Amino acid sequence: MHCDKDISMENSQISNDPLESFSQDSTKRRTVVGPWRNVSEFNKVYEWLFGDNYSAETRQQALSQIRIWNLRRSTQCPAAVLATAVIVEVQQKDHPDSIYSDDDLQTLYANAFTRFFNFMSSIMQTHNMRTMYQTAKELGLESFVVDLRHICAHGQVLPPLQVLRNTAEYCIVWLHDYYWRTQLESMRDVDATRIRRKDRTELDDKVSTLCDIFDAALEGHMKGAINIKTLKRHMHGKRFHNLKEYYQKYNFEKLQDIFDHIAQELYGLVKRDIVIKDVATIYVGALLRMRYFFSVSGIEDSSAEMESLITANQTLFRMLAINGFLDDFFYALIDIAESPIVEATKRASASFWAVQILKGFKAFRQCKQMYKAEMDENTNIKEPTFSLNNLKEISEGTRELYIYSGVGMKKTLLFGDHFRRPWVWVFERDFLEERLEAANEYTAPILKGILPLIVPALSATEMQTFTELIDCYFNANTDVGNEKSKKQNKDNVNVYTAEDLLNQLKKNNITKMDIETDEDPECSENCKTYGLWTEVEEDDWKSSPLGRVPWEL
């Protein structure tokens, strides 16, 4: 939807986003661009969610419409609308015939509840509990909501499922009273011609500038520059000038010092008391504009170049994880990899970084499982210090767990300084199926990386089946960063479906039975086949009635 087709809402009591303070002066009105076409469309979604006759079916319709709103104006879609969607989505999955276990639902509720708070990031800019309690009080939220959020984000054990259910229902009621009903009563249609675009915020400018400097330093570092003097051989112009100015400002001795410093500075900007909405969108948008960052791909895991690249980006990715921005960044990478209109180099790099993120979370989960097993076996183990904002240092105990798990620490993104962090990355089966419909050579490695993180967990047979499906079409050795692969796929803009993948399996004589069978029976070229059955050369095969076809009995 183009901006000139968006219809803004004139509001006399509260802004379009519930996280902004509002004036009690009824004569003061504010015009805000909304993602809905008009008031009628907003009212329709309200009735689907909260009307007298709402049901699971109508709420599903509401979720579909909210997704459309998010696509129309993702950076301007009100945080309360998105917060409503994440809570309703998990409630839709929680019913007597659900395929999810109680443990799965517990994880999904906790993740949804944490995201509910992330959407309120324009107010909750710090991790200071006192500030969060004050903010909750001003919003009319009970203090237990802050307590529960803290447990979901930092606790060792998730709250009971019923507690999460009750809290989710409380949040929906609060969202209705605080945002939806207020908007319904005060919203007015206005002409799109009256809308004026606002300047980019101060935070947006700062984050973009820091990301540009980080990107320039990364380029110089990967090209072999050690300091600003040796960088002159590889870079010039405004890009070099900005980097040099930053380098001299902080008296750095080498380029490598810049990476940790900028990550810490970006982390500090999030924690500052800046009232600005869509913080995650600002950070992700700045990252997506980094030029050199999206030109790297096809690096061998065993190479020194890979080690140098991952080491330089460690603190940046950990900053994204700690602030809850990594999910948004990962989904943005998938969107780039799926898009046929994005140039091949950027798609290949997006695929590369998405795979690195998945590898990092798989390694983190593996070490968490080992950590839990050790704690269960010996409860007297002395735990290392736990920090909520450690971007750089990793405790000795955590380092040992990574080593014992066989994780190459210099070539793997490390998303935690301690395994008491409750971070769990999960994907639903629907997400995998949707991605298969838009699968291409760039998303194939990502899809295989997602398989171990699906909930409910895929069986070994299902894992093998999906892997065979992907490998069969895109070949097991597909390397999107490889120059030969780039040349072969340069003009390939087709979008394939899961059915296409199955058909390709048949062309390659790989049947569903082949995939699901652990061991194929040995058979010579003279073996006879009877429908689904194949004769096996064994002396006593025909001694069993099951070894005979009907007309031989």
Protein backbone atom coordinates (compact mmCIF):
# COMPACT_ATOMS: atom_id res chain seq x y z
CA MET A 1 0.00 0.00 0.00
CA HIS A 2 1.45 3.34 -1.04
CA CYS A 3 1.61 6.21 1.40
CA ASP A 4 -0.71 8.35 -0.69
CA LYS A 5 -3.43 5.72 -0.23
CA ASP A 6 -3.11 5.52 3.54
CA ILE A 7 -5.84 7.30 5.45
CA SER A 8 -4.81 9.04 8.66
CA MET A 9 -6.81 9.13 11.85
CA GLU A 10 -7.53 12.36 13.70
CA ASN A 11 -7.57 11.76 17.43
CA SER A 12 -8.76 14.19 20.06
CA GLN A 13 -7.67 12.17 23.13
CA ILE A 14 -4.82 9.84 22.40
CA SER A 15 -2.29 9.31 19.64
CA ASN A 16 -2.40 6.36 17.25
CA ASP A 17 0.26 4.66 19.33
CA PRO A 18 -0.81 3.92 22.93
CA LEU A 19 2.74 4.26 24.18
CA GLU A 20 2.79 8.01 23.71
CA SER A 21 1.49 10.24 26.48
CA PHE A 22 -1.79 11.95 25.67
CA SER A 23 -3.29 15.27 26.54
CA GLN A 24 -6.46 15.58 28.56
CA ASP A 25 -7.25 18.79 26.65
CA SER A 26 -10.22 17.77 24.52
CA THR A 27 -9.70 20.73 22.21
CA LYS A 28 -6.26 19.53 21.16
CA ARG A 29 -6.36 17.15 18.21
CA ARG A 30 -3.60 15.18 16.55
CA THR A 31 -3.36 13.71 13.05
CA VAL A 32 -1.54 10.37 12.74
CA VAL A 33 -1.10 8.11 9.71
CA GLY A 34 -2.63 4.71 10.37
CA PRO A 35 -2.27 1.43 8.45
CA TRP A 36 -6.04 1.00 8.03
CA ARG A 37 -7.84 2.51 5.05
CA ASN A 38 -10.50 4.20 7.14
CA VAL A 39 -12.35 4.09 10.45
CA SER A 40 -14.71 1.42 9.11
CA GLU A 41 -11.83 -1.03 8.58
CA PHE A 42 -10.59 -0.41 12.12
CA ASN A 43 -14.10 -0.95 13.51
CA LYS A 44 -14.40 -4.25 11.63
CA VAL A 45 -11.22 -5.62 13.26
CA TYR A 46 -12.41 -4.36 16.65
CA GLU A 47 -15.66 -6.34 16.28
CA TRP A 48 -13.74 -9.46 15.23
CA LEU A 49 -11.56 -9.20 18.35
CA PHE A 50 -13.92 -7.85 21.01
CA GLY A 51 -17.47 -7.74 19.60
CA ASP A 52 -20.42 -9.48 21.21
CA ASN A 53 -20.21 -12.36 18.72
CA TYR A 54 -16.44 -12.79 18.51
CA SER A 55 -15.11 -16.35 18.14
CA ALA A 56 -11.92 -18.22 17.30
CA GLU A 57 -12.82 -17.82 13.61
CA THR A 58 -13.37 -14.06 13.81
CA ARG A 59 -10.18 -13.58 15.80
CA GLN A 60 -8.30 -15.47 13.11
CA GLN A 61 -9.74 -13.01 10.57
CA ALA A 62 -8.58 -10.15 12.78
CA LEU A 63 -5.04 -11.56 12.89
CA SER A 64 -4.99 -11.80 9.10
CA GLN A 65 -6.06 -8.17 8.79
CA ILE A 66 -3.44 -7.05 11.32
CA ARG A 67 -0.76 -8.78 9.22
CA ILE A 68 -1.95 -6.69 6.27
CA TRP A 69 -1.74 -3.54 8.39
CA ASN A 70 1.79 -4.46 9.37
CA LEU A 71 2.75 -4.93 5.71
CA ARG A 72 1.24 -1.58 4.74
CA ARG A 73 3.14 0.49 7.29
CA SER A 74 5.37 -1.78 9.33
CA THR A 75 7.24 1.05 11.03
CA GLN A 76 4.04 2.92 11.83
CA CYS A 77 1.73 0.08 12.83
CA PRO A 78 0.75 0.90 16.44
CA ALA A 79 2.61 -1.11 19.06
CA ALA A 80 -0.66 -1.91 20.86
CA VAL A 81 -2.06 -3.52 17.71
CA LEU A 82 1.03 -5.72 17.31
CA ALA A 83 1.02 -6.52 21.03
CA THR A 84 -2.62 -7.60 20.73
CA ALA A 85 -1.74 -9.86 17.80
CA VAL A 86 1.06 -11.74 19.61
CA ILE A 87 -1.18 -12.45 22.61
CA VAL A 88 -4.19 -13.50 20.52
CA GLU A 89 -2.02 -15.72 18.31
CA VAL A 90 -0.89 -17.87 21.21
CA GLN A 91 -4.43 -17.96 22.66
CA GLN A 92 -5.64 -19.30 19.30
CA LYS A 93 -3.20 -22.20 19.64
CA ASP A 94 -4.37 -22.99 23.16
CA HIS A 95 -7.47 -25.16 22.81
CA PRO A 96 -8.46 -28.74 23.74
CA ASP A 97 -7.54 -30.14 20.30
CA SER A 98 -4.21 -28.31 20.12
CA ILE A 99 -1.20 -30.15 18.69
CA TYR A 100 0.98 -28.36 21.23
CA SER A 101 1.94 -29.92 24.54
CA ASP A 102 1.71 -28.00 27.81
CA ASP A 103 5.47 -27.40 27.70
CA ASP A 104 5.20 -26.05 24.14
CA LEU A 105 2.33 -23.75 25.13
CA GLN A 106 4.27 -22.59 28.17
CA THR A 107 7.18 -21.56 25.94
CA LEU A 108 4.91 -19.91 23.36
CA TYR A 109 3.04 -17.93 26.04
CA ALA A 110 6.30 -16.80 27.65
CA ASN A 111 7.72 -15.69 24.29
CA ALA A 112 4.48 -13.86 23.41
CA PHE A 113 4.42 -12.17 26.80
CA THR A 114 8.03 -11.03 26.41
CA ARG A 115 7.25 -9.65 22.94
CA PHE A 116 4.27 -7.81 24.44
CA PHE A 117 6.77 -5.85 26.52
CA ASN A 118 9.15 -5.39 23.59
CA PHE A 119 6.38 -3.59 21.71
CA MET A 120 6.25 -1.16 24.62
CA SER A 121 9.94 -0.35 24.24
CA SER A 122 9.29 3.33 23.57
CA ILE A 123 8.45 3.65 27.26
CA MET A 124 10.53 0.87 28.78
CA GLN A 125 13.88 2.11 27.53
CA THR A 126 15.86 0.77 30.49
CA HIS A 127 16.24 -2.53 32.29
CA ASN A 128 15.85 -0.73 35.60
CA MET A 129 13.06 -2.48 37.48
CA ARG A 130 12.09 0.68 39.38
CA THR A 131 11.51 2.53 36.09
CA MET A 132 9.45 -0.34 34.73
CA TYR A 133 7.22 -0.37 37.81
CA GLN A 134 6.68 3.38 37.50
CA THR A 135 5.81 3.03 33.83
CA ALA A 136 3.39 0.18 34.51
CA LYS A 137 1.69 2.30 37.17
CA GLU A 138 1.28 5.20 34.76
CA LEU A 139 -0.20 2.89 32.14
CA GLY A 140 -2.59 1.29 34.59
CA LEU A 141 -0.87 -2.10 34.54
CA GLU A 142 -0.65 -4.14 37.73
CA SER A 143 2.83 -4.60 39.18
CA PHE A 144 2.64 -8.40 38.85
CA VAL A 145 2.86 -7.94 35.07
CA VAL A 146 6.36 -6.47 35.47
CA ASP A 147 7.32 -9.32 37.82
CA LEU A 148 6.10 -11.92 35.38
CA ARG A 149 7.88 -10.27 32.47
CA HIS A 150 11.12 -10.34 34.45
CA ILE A 151 10.69 -14.07 35.17
CA CYS A 152 9.98 -14.83 31.49
CA ALA A 153 13.00 -12.84 30.33
CA HIS A 154 15.56 -13.69 33.01
CA GLY A 155 14.25 -16.50 35.22
CA GLN A 156 15.51 -20.06 35.32
CA VAL A 157 12.04 -21.64 35.29
CA LEU A 158 9.04 -20.40 33.33
CA PRO A 159 5.82 -19.61 35.25
CA PRO A 160 3.03 -22.24 35.34
CA LEU A 161 0.89 -22.47 32.22
CA GLN A 162 -2.29 -21.35 33.98
CA VAL A 163 -0.55 -18.24 35.30
CA LEU A 164 0.54 -17.38 31.76
CA ARG A 165 -2.99 -17.97 30.47
CA ASN A 166 -4.51 -15.68 33.10
CA THR A 167 -1.92 -12.98 32.47
CA ALA A 168 -2.48 -13.16 28.72
CA GLU A 169 -6.21 -12.62 29.25
CA TYR A 170 -5.45 -9.73 31.61
CA CYS A 171 -3.22 -8.13 28.93
CA ILE A 172 -5.97 -8.46 26.29
CA VAL A 173 -8.48 -6.74 28.60
CA TRP A 174 -5.95 -4.00 29.34
CA LEU A 175 -5.19 -3.49 25.63
CA HIS A 176 -8.91 -3.24 24.93
CA ASP A 177 -9.50 -0.61 27.60
CA TYR A 178 -6.28 1.33 27.08
CA TYR A 179 -6.09 1.36 23.29
CA TRP A 180 -8.85 -0.25 21.23
CA ARG A 181 -11.91 1.25 22.95
CA THR A 182 -10.29 4.68 23.23
CA GLN A 183 -9.40 4.67 19.54
CA LEU A 184 -12.87 3.51 18.60
CA GLU A 185 -14.44 6.44 20.43
CA SER A 186 -12.08 9.17 19.25
CA MET A 187 -10.92 8.24 15.75
CA ARG A 188 -11.89 10.36 12.73
CA ASP A 189 -11.12 10.12 9.01
CA VAL A 190 -9.08 12.90 7.38
CA ASP A 191 -7.69 13.56 3.90
CA ALA A 192 -4.30 12.06 3.10
CA THR A 193 -3.24 15.43 1.68
CA ARG A 194 -3.10 16.81 5.23
CA ILE A 195 -0.44 14.33 6.30
CA ARG A 196 3.09 15.65 6.69
CA ARG A 197 6.11 13.42 6.91
CA LYS A 198 8.21 13.88 10.05
CA ASP A 199 12.01 14.10 10.07
CA ARG A 200 14.00 11.10 11.17
CA THR A 201 14.51 11.00 14.88
CA GLU A 202 17.74 11.80 16.67
CA LEU A 203 18.05 8.16 17.69
CA ASP A 204 17.68 7.01 14.09
CA ASP A 205 20.46 9.35 13.00
CA LYS A 206 22.82 8.22 15.77
CA VAL A 207 22.23 4.52 15.18
CA SER A 208 22.65 4.90 11.41
CA THR A 209 25.89 6.84 11.85
CA LEU A 210 27.34 4.25 14.23
CA CYS A 211 26.36 1.38 11.92
CA ASP A 212 27.99 3.13 8.95
CA ILE A 213 31.24 3.56 10.91
CA PHE A 214 31.07 -0.08 12.08
CA ASP A 215 30.57 -1.22 8.47
CA ALA A 216 33.53 0.82 7.22
CA ALA A 217 35.76 -0.54 9.99
CA LEU A 218 34.61 -4.09 9.17
CA GLU A 219 35.51 -3.60 5.52
CA GLY A 220 38.97 -2.32 6.38
CA HIS A 221 39.51 -5.10 8.93
CA MET A 222 38.53 -7.82 6.46
CA LYS A 223 40.82 -6.31 3.81
CA GLY A 224 43.78 -6.56 6.16
CA ALA A 225 44.01 -3.03 7.58
CA ILE A 226 45.30 -2.96 11.16
CA ASN A 227 44.96 0.72 11.95
CA ILE A 228 43.80 3.96 10.37
CA LYS A 229 47.17 4.43 8.65
CA THR A 230 47.05 1.11 6.79
CA LEU A 231 43.37 1.66 6.02
CA LYS A 232 44.29 4.44 3.56
CA ARG A 233 45.30 1.77 1.05
CA HIS A 234 41.79 0.35 0.95
CA MET A 235 39.39 3.24 1.55
CA HIS A 236 38.93 6.92 0.80
CA GLY A 237 36.30 9.64 0.58
CA LYS A 238 33.55 10.40 3.09
CA ARG A 239 33.41 6.81 4.34
CA PHE A 240 37.09 6.96 5.31
CA HIS A 241 36.78 10.48 6.74
CA ASN A 242 33.91 9.52 9.12
CA LEU A 243 35.75 6.43 10.30
CA LYS A 244 38.99 8.37 10.84
CA GLU A 245 37.17 11.05 12.85
CA TYR A 246 35.61 8.41 15.13
CA TYR A 247 38.94 6.56 15.42
CA GLN A 248 40.81 9.68 16.52
CA LYS A 249 38.02 10.85 18.84
CA TYR A 250 38.49 7.81 21.08
CA ASN A 251 42.25 7.43 20.51
CA PHE A 252 42.00 3.86 19.23
CA GLU A 253 45.23 2.02 18.45
CA LYS A 254 43.74 -0.47 16.00
CA LEU A 255 40.59 -0.90 13.93
CA GLN A 256 39.56 -3.96 15.90
CA ASP A 257 38.92 -1.79 18.97
CA ILE A 258 36.06 -0.05 17.18
CA PHE A 259 33.73 -3.07 17.03
CA ASP A 260 33.24 -3.60 20.76
CA HIS A 261 33.10 0.15 21.40
CA ILE A 262 30.31 0.76 18.88
CA ALA A 263 28.33 -2.26 20.14
CA GLN A 264 28.53 -0.87 23.68
CA GLU A 265 27.49 2.57 22.44
CA LEU A 266 24.50 1.11 20.57
CA TYR A 267 23.55 -0.78 23.72
CA GLY A 268 23.77 2.42 25.73
CA LEU A 269 21.43 4.26 23.34
CA VAL A 270 18.73 1.65 23.95
CA LYS A 271 19.03 2.06 27.70
CA ARG A 272 18.82 5.84 27.62
CA ASP A 273 15.52 7.41 28.55
CA ILE A 274 14.60 8.37 24.98
CA VAL A 275 10.88 8.34 24.29
CA ILE A 276 10.83 6.96 20.77
CA LYS A 277 8.77 4.15 19.30
CA ASP A 278 9.91 1.33 17.04
CA VAL A 279 13.41 1.10 18.51
CA ALA A 280 13.88 -2.40 17.06
CA THR A 281 12.84 -1.15 13.61
CA ILE A 282 15.36 1.69 13.80
CA TYR A 283 18.21 -0.67 14.69
CA VAL A 284 17.29 -3.32 12.13
CA GLY A 285 16.83 -0.67 9.42
CA ALA A 286 20.30 0.74 10.11
CA LEU A 287 21.84 -2.73 9.97
CA LEU A 288 20.13 -3.52 6.67
CA ARG A 289 21.69 -0.40 5.14
CA MET A 290 25.25 -1.53 5.94
CA ARG A 291 27.02 -1.95 2.61
CA TYR A 292 30.00 -4.19 3.26
CA PHE A 293 28.12 -6.29 5.83
CA PHE A 294 25.82 -7.40 2.99
CA SER A 295 28.61 -8.25 0.58
CA VAL A 296 30.13 -11.13 2.55
CA SER A 297 29.09 -14.70 1.78
CA GLY A 298 30.52 -18.00 0.66
CA ILE A 299 33.19 -17.98 3.37
CA GLU A 300 34.35 -21.45 4.36
CA ASP A 301 33.65 -22.36 7.99
CA SER A 302 37.20 -23.60 8.41
CA SER A 303 38.89 -20.51 7.01
CA ALA A 304 40.77 -17.83 8.93
CA GLU A 305 38.61 -15.28 7.12
CA MET A 306 35.52 -16.78 8.77
CA GLU A 307 37.14 -16.55 12.20
CA SER A 308 38.08 -12.92 11.63
CA LEU A 309 34.55 -12.01 10.44
CA ILE A 310 32.70 -13.70 13.31
CA THR A 311 35.08 -12.35 15.96
CA ALA A 312 34.57 -8.80 14.72
CA ASN A 313 30.77 -9.10 14.89
CA GLN A 314 30.40 -10.97 18.19
CA THR A 315 29.49 -8.04 20.42
CA LEU A 316 27.19 -6.50 17.80
CA PHE A 317 25.07 -9.65 17.60
CA ARG A 318 25.10 -10.12 21.37
CA MET A 319 23.82 -6.55 21.73
CA LEU A 320 20.94 -7.40 19.39
CA ALA A 321 20.15 -10.56 21.35
CA ILE A 322 20.20 -8.90 24.78
CA ASN A 323 17.89 -6.10 23.60
CA GLY A 324 15.46 -8.49 21.87
CA PHE A 325 16.19 -7.17 18.36
CA LEU A 326 17.65 -10.38 16.96
CA ASP A 327 14.25 -11.86 16.06
CA ASP A 328 13.35 -8.84 13.92
CA PHE A 329 16.75 -8.87 12.25
CA PHE A 330 16.53 -12.58 11.49
CA TYR A 331 13.08 -12.28 9.88
CA ALA A 332 14.32 -9.30 7.85
CA LEU A 333 17.18 -11.47 6.57
CA ILE A 334 14.71 -14.14 5.48
CA ASP A 335 12.62 -11.53 3.66
CA ILE A 336 15.71 -10.40 1.75
CA ALA A 337 16.71 -13.97 0.89
CA GLU A 338 13.20 -14.70 -0.39
CA SER A 339 12.78 -11.53 -2.45
CA PRO A 340 13.45 -11.99 -6.20
CA ILE A 341 13.89 -8.23 -6.71
CA VAL A 342 16.87 -7.90 -4.34
CA GLU A 343 20.28 -8.22 -5.96
CA ALA A 344 21.99 -11.60 -5.69
CA THR A 345 24.93 -10.48 -3.52
CA LYS A 346 22.68 -9.08 -0.80
CA ARG A 347 20.43 -12.17 -0.87
CA ALA A 348 23.47 -14.43 -0.53
CA SER A 349 24.80 -12.38 2.39
CA ALA A 350 21.39 -12.34 4.08
CA SER A 351 21.33 -16.13 3.80
CA PHE A 352 24.86 -16.35 5.20
CA TRP A 353 24.08 -14.23 8.28
CA ALA A 354 20.76 -15.99 8.93
CA VAL A 355 22.58 -19.34 8.96
CA GLN A 356 25.20 -17.96 11.38
CA ILE A 357 22.45 -16.78 13.74
CA LEU A 358 20.83 -20.22 13.65
CA LYS A 359 24.17 -21.92 14.31
CA GLY A 360 24.71 -19.64 17.29
CA PHE A 361 21.36 -20.43 18.85
CA LYS A 362 21.74 -24.16 18.22
CA ALA A 363 25.12 -24.07 19.98
CA PHE A 364 23.64 -22.04 22.85
CA ARG A 365 20.75 -24.49 23.26
CA GLN A 366 23.10 -27.47 23.16
CA CYS A 367 25.25 -25.96 25.92
CA LYS A 368 22.17 -25.06 27.97
CA GLN A 369 21.13 -28.71 27.90
CA MET A 370 24.58 -29.77 29.04
CA TYR A 371 24.54 -27.12 31.78
CA LYS A 372 21.15 -28.35 33.03
CA ALA A 373 22.39 -31.94 33.07
CA GLU A 374 25.41 -30.94 35.16
CA MET A 375 23.24 -29.00 37.62
CA ASP A 376 20.84 -31.94 37.95
CA GLU A 377 23.75 -34.28 38.65
CA ASN A 378 25.54 -32.02 41.13
CA THR A 379 23.50 -29.28 42.79
CA ASN A 380 26.58 -28.08 44.70
CA ILE A 381 28.29 -26.74 41.61
CA LYS A 382 29.30 -23.13 42.18
CA GLU A 383 27.67 -20.94 39.56
CA PRO A 384 29.64 -18.13 37.90
CA THR A 385 28.51 -14.53 38.17
CA PHE A 386 25.45 -13.78 36.03
CA SER A 387 25.28 -10.43 34.23
CA LEU A 388 22.29 -9.03 32.36
CA ASN A 389 24.28 -6.76 30.07
CA ASN A 390 27.62 -8.44 29.44
CA LEU A 391 28.40 -7.93 25.76
CA LYS A 392 32.01 -9.02 25.66
CA GLU A 393 33.22 -11.25 28.49
CA ILE A 394 32.21 -14.90 28.81
CA SER A 395 32.47 -16.73 32.13
CA GLU A 396 34.99 -19.54 32.46
CA GLY A 397 32.25 -22.08 33.15
CA THR A 398 30.37 -21.03 30.03
CA ARG A 399 33.56 -21.22 27.99
CA GLU A 400 34.17 -24.78 29.19
CA LEU A 401 30.64 -25.84 28.22
CA TYR A 402 31.13 -24.47 24.72
CA ILE A 403 34.43 -26.32 24.40
CA TYR A 404 33.01 -29.62 25.74
CA SER A 405 30.09 -29.28 23.31
CA GLY A 406 32.52 -29.12 20.40
CA VAL A 407 31.57 -25.55 19.49
CA GLY A 408 34.20 -23.56 17.59
CA MET A 409 33.97 -20.40 19.69
CA LYS A 410 35.95 -18.24 17.27
CA LYS A 411 33.68 -19.21 14.38
CA THR A 412 30.31 -19.25 16.13
CA LEU A 413 28.16 -16.33 17.26
CA LEU A 414 27.85 -16.62 21.06
CA PHE A 415 24.56 -15.23 22.36
CA GLY A 416 25.02 -15.51 26.10
CA ASP A 417 27.52 -15.04 28.88
CA HIS A 418 25.67 -17.54 31.06
CA PHE A 419 23.21 -20.39 30.49
CA ARG A 420 20.78 -19.18 33.12
CA ARG A 421 19.52 -16.93 30.37
CA PRO A 422 16.12 -18.34 29.37
CA TRP A 423 16.61 -17.55 25.69
CA VAL A 424 14.86 -20.15 23.57
CA TRP A 425 14.41 -19.76 19.85
CA VAL A 426 11.56 -21.79 18.43
CA PHE A 427 9.68 -21.89 15.13
CA GLU A 428 6.29 -23.39 14.38
CA ARG A 429 5.55 -25.91 11.64
CA ASP A 430 3.37 -23.36 9.85
CA PHE A 431 6.38 -21.05 9.59
CA LEU A 432 8.42 -23.80 7.89
CA GLU A 433 5.60 -24.63 5.47
CA GLU A 434 5.17 -20.96 4.55
CA ARG A 435 8.89 -20.64 3.91
CA LEU A 436 8.86 -23.75 1.71
CA GLU A 437 6.32 -22.06 -0.54
CA ALA A 438 8.86 -19.32 -1.28
CA ALA A 439 11.95 -21.55 -1.14
CA ASN A 440 14.92 -20.78 -3.36
CA GLU A 441 18.65 -21.41 -3.41
CA TYR A 442 19.22 -18.62 -0.88
CA THR A 443 16.68 -19.81 1.70
CA ALA A 444 17.53 -23.53 1.40
CA PRO A 445 20.41 -23.38 3.95
CA ILE A 446 18.23 -21.32 6.31
CA LEU A 447 15.38 -23.83 6.15
CA LYS A 448 17.69 -26.71 7.05
CA GLY A 449 19.01 -24.68 9.98
CA ILE A 450 15.47 -24.07 11.24
CA LEU A 451 14.51 -27.77 11.31
CA PRO A 452 16.01 -28.55 14.77
CA LEU A 453 14.21 -25.52 16.26
CA ILE A 454 10.66 -26.47 15.21
CA VAL A 455 8.00 -26.93 17.91
CA PRO A 456 6.45 -29.39 18.40
CA ALA A 457 9.79 -31.03 17.63
CA LEU A 458 10.09 -32.88 14.34
CA SER A 459 10.73 -36.60 14.53
CA ALA A 460 13.94 -38.03 13.07
CA THR A 461 11.94 -39.21 10.05
CA GLU A 462 10.38 -35.79 9.52
CA MET A 463 13.77 -34.11 9.85
CA GLN A 464 15.19 -36.44 7.22
CA THR A 465 12.16 -35.95 4.97
CA PHE A 466 12.39 -32.15 4.99
CA THR A 467 16.15 -32.28 4.52
CA GLU A 468 15.76 -34.60 1.53
CA LEU A 469 13.09 -32.32 0.08
CA ILE A 470 15.35 -29.30 0.27
CA ASP A 471 18.53 -31.06 -0.84
CA CYS A 472 16.76 -32.84 -3.67
CA TYR A 473 15.70 -29.63 -5.36
CA PHE A 474 18.57 -27.33 -4.53
CA ASN A 475 21.28 -30.03 -4.30
CA ALA A 476 23.02 -30.91 -1.05
CA ASN A 477 26.11 -28.88 -1.94
CA THR A 478 24.34 -25.66 -2.85
CA ASP A 479 26.52 -22.72 -1.87
CA VAL A 480 24.82 -19.39 -2.51
CA GLY A 481 28.09 -17.55 -2.12
CA ASN A 482 29.86 -19.66 -4.72
CA GLU A 483 30.57 -17.84 -7.97
CA LYS A 484 29.53 -20.82 -10.08
CA SER A 485 26.25 -21.08 -8.17
CA LYS A 486 25.66 -17.35 -8.62
CA LYS A 487 26.14 -17.68 -12.36
CA GLN A 488 23.77 -20.64 -12.61
CA ASN A 489 21.07 -18.91 -10.61
CA LYS A 490 21.57 -15.39 -11.94
CA ASP A 491 18.37 -15.42 -13.98
CA ASN A 492 16.44 -17.79 -11.73
CA VAL A 493 13.55 -15.86 -10.15
CA ASN A 494 11.09 -18.74 -9.90
CA VAL A 495 9.21 -19.32 -6.67
CA TYR A 496 8.79 -23.00 -5.84
CA THR A 497 6.16 -24.67 -3.69
CA ALA A 498 6.32 -27.72 -1.45
CA GLU A 499 4.47 -29.61 -4.22
CA ASP A 500 7.28 -28.74 -6.64
CA LEU A 501 9.78 -30.19 -4.20
CA LEU A 502 7.78 -33.41 -3.90
CA ASN A 503 7.53 -33.71 -7.66
CA GLN A 504 11.28 -33.25 -7.92
CA LEU A 505 11.72 -36.07 -5.44
CA LYS A 506 9.75 -38.36 -7.74
CA LYS A 507 11.89 -37.35 -10.72
CA ASN A 508 14.94 -38.39 -8.75
CA ASN A 509 13.34 -41.73 -7.80
CA ILE A 510 13.23 -40.83 -4.11
CA THR A 511 9.89 -41.99 -2.77
CA LYS A 512 8.31 -41.29 0.58
CA MET A 513 8.98 -44.89 1.51
CA ASP A 514 12.68 -44.40 0.73
CA ILE A 515 12.86 -41.41 3.03
CA GLU A 516 11.02 -42.98 5.94
CA THR A 517 12.92 -46.31 5.88
CA ASP A 518 15.94 -46.45 8.12
CA GLU A 519 17.62 -49.26 6.17
CA ASP A 520 17.00 -50.23 2.55
CA PRO A 521 16.88 -54.01 1.92
CA GLU A 522 19.67 -55.29 -0.23
CA CYS A 523 18.32 -56.40 -3.57
CA SER A 524 19.87 -57.44 -6.86
CA GLU A 525 18.75 -56.26 -10.28
CA ASN A 526 16.63 -59.43 -10.64
CA CYS A 527 14.43 -58.68 -7.62
CA LYS A 528 10.70 -58.65 -8.36
CA THR A 529 8.45 -55.79 -7.27
CA TYR A 530 4.78 -56.24 -6.35
CA GLY A 531 3.21 -52.81 -5.86
CA LEU A 532 4.72 -51.43 -2.66
CA TRP A 533 6.50 -54.72 -1.94
CA THR A 534 9.93 -55.77 -3.20
CA GLU A 535 11.24 -59.31 -3.13
CA VAL A 536 14.30 -59.75 -0.90
CA GLU A 537 16.82 -62.49 -1.67
CA GLU A 538 16.72 -64.62 1.46
CA ASP A 539 16.54 -68.43 1.61
CA ASP A 540 13.58 -68.58 3.95
CA TRP A 541 11.65 -65.64 2.48
CA LYS A 542 8.86 -67.78 0.95
CA SER A 543 8.53 -69.89 4.07
CA SER A 544 6.34 -67.18 5.56
CA PRO A 545 2.80 -66.53 4.25
CA LEU A 546 3.68 -62.82 4.34
CA GLY A 547 6.37 -63.56 1.80
CA ARG A 548 3.87 -64.70 -0.84
CA VAL A 549 1.59 -62.77 -3.13
CA PRO A 550 -2.13 -63.71 -2.94
CA TRP A 551 -2.17 -66.02 -5.96
CA GLU A 552 0.71 -68.13 -4.57
CA LEU A 553 -1.08 -69.02 -1.34
